[in-house]
Amino acid sequence: MLRLFHPLWYTATHEDLVHADETCGRGDFRTWAKFTSHVYAALDRRSDTAVDRALLTWACSRLGPNL
């Protein structure tokens, strides 16, 4: 479902997206918007980076402890 809202998520596996949602997204669209911004920033800095579990875990850590 998330892929319908942003093309960035087309390249992530379903399992990685589910894991990210369970650990930090929790179905909250505002959180996913912030999360998407962090992933884009990482991809801007390193074009060889893929949208994988490691990147998603890093982006989760950028959201802070208030989740």
PDB file of N, CA and C in Angstrom:
ATOM      1  N   MET A   1       0.821  -1.200   0.000  1.00  0.00           N
ATOM      2  CA  MET A   1       0.000   0.000   0.000  1.00  0.00           C
ATOM      3  C   MET A   1       0.864   1.263   0.000  1.00  0.00           C
ATOM      4  N   LEU A   2       1.960   1.238   0.738  1.00  0.00           N
ATOM      5  CA  LEU A   2       2.828   2.411   0.834  1.00  0.00           C
ATOM      6  C   LEU A   2       3.358   2.828  -0.532  1.00  0.00           C
ATOM      7  N   ARG A   3       3.582   1.868  -1.395  1.00  0.00           N
ATOM      8  CA  ARG A   3       4.100   2.160  -2.739  1.00  0.00           C
ATOM      9  C   ARG A   3       3.155   3.062  -3.529  1.00  0.00           C
ATOM     10  N   LEU A   4       1.900   3.065  -3.187  1.00  0.00           N
ATOM     11  CA  LEU A   4       0.935   3.924  -3.880  1.00  0.00           C
ATOM     12  C   LEU A   4       1.142   5.396  -3.553  1.00  0.00           C
ATOM     13  N   PHE A   5       1.765   5.682  -2.424  1.00  0.00           N
ATOM     14  CA  PHE A   5       1.924   7.063  -1.976  1.00  0.00           C
ATOM     15  C   PHE A   5       3.242   7.697  -2.377  1.00  0.00           C
ATOM     16  N   HIS A   6       4.268   6.863  -2.631  1.00  0.00           N
ATOM     17  CA  HIS A   6       5.548   7.451  -2.998  1.00  0.00           C
ATOM     18  C   HIS A   6       6.382   6.468  -3.812  1.00  0.00           C
ATOM     19  N   PRO A   7       6.903   6.906  -4.959  1.00  0.00           N
ATOM     20  CA  PRO A   7       7.680   6.001  -5.821  1.00  0.00           C
ATOM     21  C   PRO A   7       9.006   5.546  -5.205  1.00  0.00           C
ATOM     22  N   LEU A   8       9.494   6.235  -4.195  1.00  0.00           N
ATOM     23  CA  LEU A   8      10.730   5.810  -3.540  1.00  0.00           C
ATOM     24  C   LEU A   8      10.610   4.369  -3.057  1.00  0.00           C
ATOM     25  N   TRP A   9       9.442   3.977  -2.620  1.00  0.00           N
ATOM     26  CA  TRP A   9       9.245   2.673  -2.008  1.00  0.00           C
ATOM     27  C   TRP A   9       9.094   1.547  -3.020  1.00  0.00           C
ATOM     28  N   TYR A  10       9.062   1.857  -4.322  1.00  0.00           N
ATOM     29  CA  TYR A  10       8.991   0.811  -5.353  1.00  0.00           C
ATOM     30  C   TYR A  10      10.188  -0.122  -5.282  1.00  0.00           C
ATOM     31  N   THR A  11      11.357   0.397  -4.879  1.00  0.00           N
ATOM     32  CA  THR A  11      12.579  -0.409  -4.900  1.00  0.00           C
ATOM     33  C   THR A  11      12.810  -1.197  -3.620  1.00  0.00           C
ATOM     34  N   ALA A  12      12.072  -0.918  -2.583  1.00  0.00           N
ATOM     35  CA  ALA A  12      12.228  -1.642  -1.314  1.00  0.00           C
ATOM     36  C   ALA A  12      11.415  -2.934  -1.365  1.00  0.00           C
ATOM     37  N   THR A  13      11.918  -3.951  -0.694  1.00  0.00           N
ATOM     38  CA  THR A  13      11.164  -5.201  -0.656  1.00  0.00           C
ATOM     39  C   THR A  13       9.972  -5.069   0.287  1.00  0.00           C
ATOM     40  N   HIS A  14       9.003  -5.884   0.053  1.00  0.00           N
ATOM     41  CA  HIS A  14       7.809  -5.884   0.900  1.00  0.00           C
ATOM     42  C   HIS A  14       8.185  -6.195   2.350  1.00  0.00           C
ATOM     43  N   GLU A  15       9.069  -7.170   2.531  1.00  0.00           N
ATOM     44  CA  GLU A  15       9.495  -7.568   3.877  1.00  0.00           C
ATOM     45  C   GLU A  15      10.185  -6.422   4.604  1.00  0.00           C
ATOM     46  N   ASP A  16      11.034  -5.671   3.883  1.00  0.00           N
ATOM     47  CA  ASP A  16      11.732  -4.548   4.516  1.00  0.00           C
ATOM     48  C   ASP A  16      10.762  -3.437   4.902  1.00  0.00           C
ATOM     49  N   LEU A  17       9.778  -3.184   4.064  1.00  0.00           N
ATOM     50  CA  LEU A  17       8.788  -2.150   4.383  1.00  0.00           C
ATOM     51  C   LEU A  17       7.932  -2.558   5.577  1.00  0.00           C
ATOM     52  N   VAL A  18       7.549  -3.818   5.626  1.00  0.00           N
ATOM     53  CA  VAL A  18       6.764  -4.304   6.769  1.00  0.00           C
ATOM     54  C   VAL A  18       7.582  -4.187   8.054  1.00  0.00           C
ATOM     55  N   HIS A  19       8.845  -4.569   7.975  1.00  0.00           N
ATOM     56  CA  HIS A  19       9.723  -4.468   9.149  1.00  0.00           C
ATOM     57  C   HIS A  19       9.838  -3.006   9.612  1.00  0.00           C
ATOM     58  N   ALA A  20      10.048  -2.097   8.669  1.00  0.00           N
ATOM     59  CA  ALA A  20      10.165  -0.673   9.015  1.00  0.00           C
ATOM     60  C   ALA A  20       8.870  -0.153   9.624  1.00  0.00           C
ATOM     61  N   ASP A  21       7.742  -0.593   9.107  1.00  0.00           N
ATOM     62  CA  ASP A  21       6.478  -0.124   9.660  1.00  0.00           C
ATOM     63  C   ASP A  21       6.254  -0.681  11.061  1.00  0.00           C
ATOM     64  N   GLU A  22       6.617  -1.925  11.269  1.00  0.00           N
ATOM     65  CA  GLU A  22       6.438  -2.526  12.588  1.00  0.00           C
ATOM     66  C   GLU A  22       7.372  -1.921  13.632  1.00  0.00           C
ATOM     67  N   THR A  23       8.580  -1.517  13.213  1.00  0.00           N
ATOM     68  CA  THR A  23       9.544  -1.012  14.183  1.00  0.00           C
ATOM     69  C   THR A  23       9.454   0.487  14.410  1.00  0.00           C
ATOM     70  N   CYS A  24       9.026   1.259  13.390  1.00  0.00           N
ATOM     71  CA  CYS A  24       8.987   2.702  13.636  1.00  0.00           C
ATOM     72  C   CYS A  24       7.857   3.432  12.912  1.00  0.00           C
ATOM     73  N   GLY A  25       7.384   2.961  11.798  1.00  0.00           N
ATOM     74  CA  GLY A  25       6.339   3.678  11.062  1.00  0.00           C
ATOM     75  C   GLY A  25       4.971   3.575  11.704  1.00  0.00           C
ATOM     76  N   ARG A  26       4.660   2.377  12.140  1.00  0.00           N
ATOM     77  CA  ARG A  26       3.404   2.070  12.838  1.00  0.00           C
ATOM     78  C   ARG A  26       2.158   2.580  12.123  1.00  0.00           C
ATOM     79  N   GLY A  27       2.222   2.592  10.788  1.00  0.00           N
ATOM     80  CA  GLY A  27       1.049   2.983  10.018  1.00  0.00           C
ATOM     81  C   GLY A  27       0.727   4.459  10.041  1.00  0.00           C
ATOM     82  N   ASP A  28       1.561   5.257  10.654  1.00  0.00           N
ATOM     83  CA  ASP A  28       1.318   6.692  10.767  1.00  0.00           C
ATOM     84  C   ASP A  28       1.894   7.422   9.542  1.00  0.00           C
ATOM     85  N   PHE A  29       1.030   8.064   8.779  1.00  0.00           N
ATOM     86  CA  PHE A  29       1.463   8.698   7.539  1.00  0.00           C
ATOM     87  C   PHE A  29       2.466   9.821   7.796  1.00  0.00           C
ATOM     88  N   ARG A  30       2.299  10.569   8.850  1.00  0.00           N
ATOM     89  CA  ARG A  30       3.229  11.657   9.161  1.00  0.00           C
ATOM     90  C   ARG A  30       4.626  11.102   9.468  1.00  0.00           C
ATOM     91  N   THR A  31       4.685  10.019  10.206  1.00  0.00           N
ATOM     92  CA  THR A  31       5.969   9.386  10.488  1.00  0.00           C
ATOM     93  C   THR A  31       6.610   8.890   9.202  1.00  0.00           C
ATOM     94  N   TRP A  32       5.807   8.300   8.320  1.00  0.00           N
ATOM     95  CA  TRP A  32       6.348   7.821   7.051  1.00  0.00           C
ATOM     96  C   TRP A  32       6.837   8.976   6.177  1.00  0.00           C
ATOM     97  N   ALA A  33       6.219  10.124   6.267  1.00  0.00           N
ATOM     98  CA  ALA A  33       6.689  11.296   5.517  1.00  0.00           C
ATOM     99  C   ALA A  33       8.075  11.711   6.014  1.00  0.00           C
ATOM    100  N   LYS A  34       8.259  11.744   7.320  1.00  0.00           N
ATOM    101  CA  LYS A  34       9.573  12.071   7.887  1.00  0.00           C
ATOM    102  C   LYS A  34      10.591  11.004   7.504  1.00  0.00           C
ATOM    103  N   PHE A  35      10.177   9.774   7.606  1.00  0.00           N
ATOM    104  CA  PHE A  35      11.018   8.637   7.271  1.00  0.00           C
ATOM    105  C   PHE A  35      11.482   8.727   5.809  1.00  0.00           C
ATOM    106  N   THR A  36      10.557   9.044   4.914  1.00  0.00           N
ATOM    107  CA  THR A  36      10.869   9.199   3.493  1.00  0.00           C
ATOM    108  C   THR A  36      11.889  10.300   3.282  1.00  0.00           C
ATOM    109  N   SER A  37      11.742  11.391   3.989  1.00  0.00           N
ATOM    110  CA  SER A  37      12.685  12.504   3.889  1.00  0.00           C
ATOM    111  C   SER A  37      14.095  12.074   4.290  1.00  0.00           C
ATOM    112  N   HIS A  38      14.202  11.299   5.363  1.00  0.00           N
ATOM    113  CA  HIS A  38      15.519  10.823   5.799  1.00  0.00           C
ATOM    114  C   HIS A  38      16.139   9.879   4.773  1.00  0.00           C
ATOM    115  N   VAL A  39      15.331   9.028   4.174  1.00  0.00           N
ATOM    116  CA  VAL A  39      15.847   8.103   3.163  1.00  0.00           C
ATOM    117  C   VAL A  39      16.326   8.879   1.945  1.00  0.00           C
ATOM    118  N   TYR A  40      15.558   9.868   1.498  1.00  0.00           N
ATOM    119  CA  TYR A  40      15.994  10.699   0.371  1.00  0.00           C
ATOM    120  C   TYR A  40      17.307  11.418   0.674  1.00  0.00           C
ATOM    121  N   ALA A  41      17.454  11.922   1.876  1.00  0.00           N
ATOM    122  CA  ALA A  41      18.691  12.617   2.247  1.00  0.00           C
ATOM    123  C   ALA A  41      19.878  11.657   2.165  1.00  0.00           C
ATOM    124  N   ALA A  42      19.696  10.450   2.634  1.00  0.00           N
ATOM    125  CA  ALA A  42      20.778   9.456   2.566  1.00  0.00           C
ATOM    126  C   ALA A  42      21.106   9.114   1.120  1.00  0.00           C
ATOM    127  N   LEU A  43      20.097   8.981   0.301  1.00  0.00           N
ATOM    128  CA  LEU A  43      20.326   8.659  -1.116  1.00  0.00           C
ATOM    129  C   LEU A  43      21.000   9.815  -1.846  1.00  0.00           C
ATOM    130  N   ASP A  44      20.718  11.038  -1.434  1.00  0.00           N
ATOM    131  CA  ASP A  44      21.376  12.215  -2.020  1.00  0.00           C
ATOM    132  C   ASP A  44      22.872  12.222  -1.708  1.00  0.00           C
ATOM    133  N   ARG A  45      23.205  11.839  -0.496  1.00  0.00           N
ATOM    134  CA  ARG A  45      24.610  11.831  -0.080  1.00  0.00           C
ATOM    135  C   ARG A  45      25.395  10.697  -0.717  1.00  0.00           C
ATOM    136  N   ARG A  46      24.738   9.567  -0.920  1.00  0.00           N
ATOM    137  CA  ARG A  46      25.426   8.402  -1.492  1.00  0.00           C
ATOM    138  C   ARG A  46      24.546   7.775  -2.551  1.00  0.00           C
ATOM    139  N   SER A  47      24.831   8.052  -3.798  1.00  0.00           N
ATOM    140  CA  SER A  47      23.992   7.551  -4.886  1.00  0.00           C
ATOM    141  C   SER A  47      24.087   6.034  -5.045  1.00  0.00           C
ATOM    142  N   ASP A  48      25.132   5.414  -4.492  1.00  0.00           N
ATOM    143  CA  ASP A  48      25.273   3.967  -4.605  1.00  0.00           C
ATOM    144  C   ASP A  48      24.485   3.216  -3.533  1.00  0.00           C
ATOM    145  N   THR A  49      23.814   3.933  -2.662  1.00  0.00           N
ATOM    146  CA  THR A  49      23.028   3.332  -1.588  1.00  0.00           C
ATOM    147  C   THR A  49      21.705   2.822  -2.140  1.00  0.00           C
ATOM    148  N   ALA A  50      21.320   1.642  -1.694  1.00  0.00           N
ATOM    149  CA  ALA A  50      20.041   1.060  -2.102  1.00  0.00           C
ATOM    150  C   ALA A  50      19.034   1.203  -0.968  1.00  0.00           C
ATOM    151  N   VAL A  51      17.760   1.170  -1.324  1.00  0.00           N
ATOM    152  CA  VAL A  51      16.718   1.188  -0.300  1.00  0.00           C
ATOM    153  C   VAL A  51      16.576  -0.248   0.188  1.00  0.00           C
ATOM    154  N   ASP A  52      17.315  -0.546   1.250  1.00  0.00           N
ATOM    155  CA  ASP A  52      17.309  -1.889   1.811  1.00  0.00           C
ATOM    156  C   ASP A  52      17.091  -1.796   3.322  1.00  0.00           C
ATOM    157  N   ARG A  53      17.138  -2.936   3.975  1.00  0.00           N
ATOM    158  CA  ARG A  53      16.852  -2.953   5.410  1.00  0.00           C
ATOM    159  C   ARG A  53      17.842  -2.110   6.198  1.00  0.00           C
ATOM    160  N   ALA A  54      19.107  -2.115   5.798  1.00  0.00           N
ATOM    161  CA  ALA A  54      20.108  -1.319   6.516  1.00  0.00           C
ATOM    162  C   ALA A  54      19.781   0.171   6.442  1.00  0.00           C
ATOM    163  N   LEU A  55      19.407   0.651   5.272  1.00  0.00           N
ATOM    164  CA  LEU A  55      19.049   2.066   5.123  1.00  0.00           C
ATOM    165  C   LEU A  55      17.776   2.381   5.897  1.00  0.00           C
ATOM    166  N   LEU A  56      16.810   1.490   5.855  1.00  0.00           N
ATOM    167  CA  LEU A  56      15.564   1.719   6.577  1.00  0.00           C
ATOM    168  C   LEU A  56      15.795   1.729   8.087  1.00  0.00           C
ATOM    169  N   THR A  57      16.675   0.872   8.561  1.00  0.00           N
ATOM    170  CA  THR A  57      17.016   0.856   9.988  1.00  0.00           C
ATOM    171  C   THR A  57      17.687   2.161  10.388  1.00  0.00           C
ATOM    172  N   TRP A  58      18.590   2.637   9.546  1.00  0.00           N
ATOM    173  CA  TRP A  58      19.251   3.916   9.812  1.00  0.00           C
ATOM    174  C   TRP A  58      18.214   5.040   9.857  1.00  0.00           C
ATOM    175  N   ALA A  59      17.306   5.061   8.877  1.00  0.00           N
ATOM    176  CA  ALA A  59      16.281   6.127   8.838  1.00  0.00           C
ATOM    177  C   ALA A  59      15.397   6.064  10.078  1.00  0.00           C
ATOM    178  N   CYS A  60      15.073   4.867  10.531  1.00  0.00           N
ATOM    179  CA  CYS A  60      14.294   4.734  11.775  1.00  0.00           C
ATOM    180  C   CYS A  60      15.024   5.386  12.944  1.00  0.00           C
ATOM    181  N   SER A  61      16.342   5.192  12.989  1.00  0.00           N
ATOM    182  CA  SER A  61      17.104   5.752  14.097  1.00  0.00           C
ATOM    183  C   SER A  61      17.107   7.283  14.066  1.00  0.00           C
ATOM    184  N   ARG A  62      16.901   7.878  12.916  1.00  0.00           N
ATOM    185  CA  ARG A  62      16.876   9.326  12.771  1.00  0.00           C
ATOM    186  C   ARG A  62      15.568   9.932  13.273  1.00  0.00           C
ATOM    187  N   LEU A  63      14.554   9.122  13.493  1.00  0.00           N
ATOM    188  CA  LEU A  63      13.259   9.638  13.930  1.00  0.00           C
ATOM    189  C   LEU A  63      13.243   9.974  15.411  1.00  0.00           C
ATOM    190  N   GLY A  64      14.208   9.478  16.150  1.00  0.00           N
ATOM    191  CA  GLY A  64      14.294   9.811  17.562  1.00  0.00           C
ATOM    192  C   GLY A  64      13.514   8.866  18.448  1.00  0.00           C
ATOM    193  N   PRO A  65      13.588   9.100  19.739  1.00  0.00           N
ATOM    194  CA  PRO A  65      13.003   8.193  20.720  1.00  0.00           C
ATOM    195  C   PRO A  65      11.504   8.398  20.972  1.00  0.00           C
ATOM    196  N   ASN A  66      10.904   9.377  20.342  1.00  0.00           N
ATOM    197  CA  ASN A  66       9.512   9.722  20.652  1.00  0.00           C
ATOM    198  C   ASN A  66       8.499   8.958  19.848  1.00  0.00           C
ATOM    199  N   LEU A  67       8.859   7.808  19.355  1.00  0.00           N
ATOM    200  CA  LEU A  67       7.906   7.038  18.551  1.00  0.00           C
ATOM    201  C   LEU A  67       7.001   6.199  19.404  1.00  0.00           C
TER     202      LEU A  67
END
